[in-house]
Each structure stands twice: as structure tokens, then as C-alpha cells.
């Protein structure tokens, strides 16, 4: 598997500039950014189908509906760390470390839950934890590498947005671009 091919795949689309810039602008606008989540789910589906091109920005209602579903899935997964956050951070050092590990583990599962949902558009598939863990065990090597790289890049992009507000669009561009790459790769390795 060539990660370089996945990193470069968006440039194969003839309208890549328009699609990426539109995605960045949409990502900035609260509530409207649900479209971005729906677009990422479409990237997963296209990766599952072996298509290495960018989805169109034409199906707005579907992107919003799918983005809302992605938000619900992620929110439900994050409920455990959210509920445990206050008790854990009250334990010096160890509690914060445990919370960080829990967030990383849940974060590892969320994209897989989104892929499980994307496969058949069945919400319950996203919560079949045992099936998701079995899938994770089969794809752990490429997935873990892609996940950790993407977490690093998203942290870099978010740091740009927070620390260098005059370059915030660059940070959003980095996060959106690597979101496209990660979710298409996820769809590809899912099968």
C-alpha cells in the first residue's frame, strides 16, 4: 500500500482546487460544517469502492444528513470520556494520563465506526463494537499508521488555527485536505 498515492489522490480530480477550497470554507462555518462530515463519509464510501477521486459537492441534503449521523456517532462514542473527564482530572497526573489514553482509544474507534456506518448506512453498525474491534485487528498496521499520522497533522493544523489566527485558513486547509486523504484511505483498507 502506497501512502504517497493516497496523499496525492485529491490532485487527480480535475476540480480539486474548487472542491478543496469549498470544503475549507464550509468547514469554517459552524453548523454548516456538518456538510464536511457528510463529505468525509462520502470519501469513505468512495474509498470502499476503490475510487480515488473527490466526491462532488452537489448532494447538499445528503451531506447534511450524513454529517448529522457522523456527529451523532462521534458524540455517542465521546460520551464515556466526557462523563469520566471530571472525576479523572481530579486525580493528579494519573487521572489526566488515563483520560488522554481513553480519548485516544475512543478516537481510534470513531473513524472505524463511521466506516461501519458508511458501508450499509445502518446506524446500528456503528455501535457493533465487537465487529469494529475484529475489523481493527485485521487492518491495524495500515490503519494505526494512518491514524497516528492524521492525528499529528490535525494537531498541527489546529495549532496553526489557534496560535496563528492570521494563518487560520492555512490550518483549516491542512486539516480538511488530510481529512480527505485519511477517510479515502480508511475506506480503501476497510475492504
Foldseek 3Di string as FASTA:
>chain_A
DDLVCLLCLAVVEPCSVVVLVVLLVQCVDPLSNLLLQLQLLVLLVCLLVVHSYGDDSPPSVSSNVLSVLLVVLLVVLCPVLVVLVVVLVVPPPRSVVVSVVSVVVSLLLSLLLSSLCSVPVDSVSSVPVVVSVVLCVVLVVVSVVLSVVLVVQLVVLVCCCVVPVVCNSVSSSSNSSSSSSNSSVNSNSSD
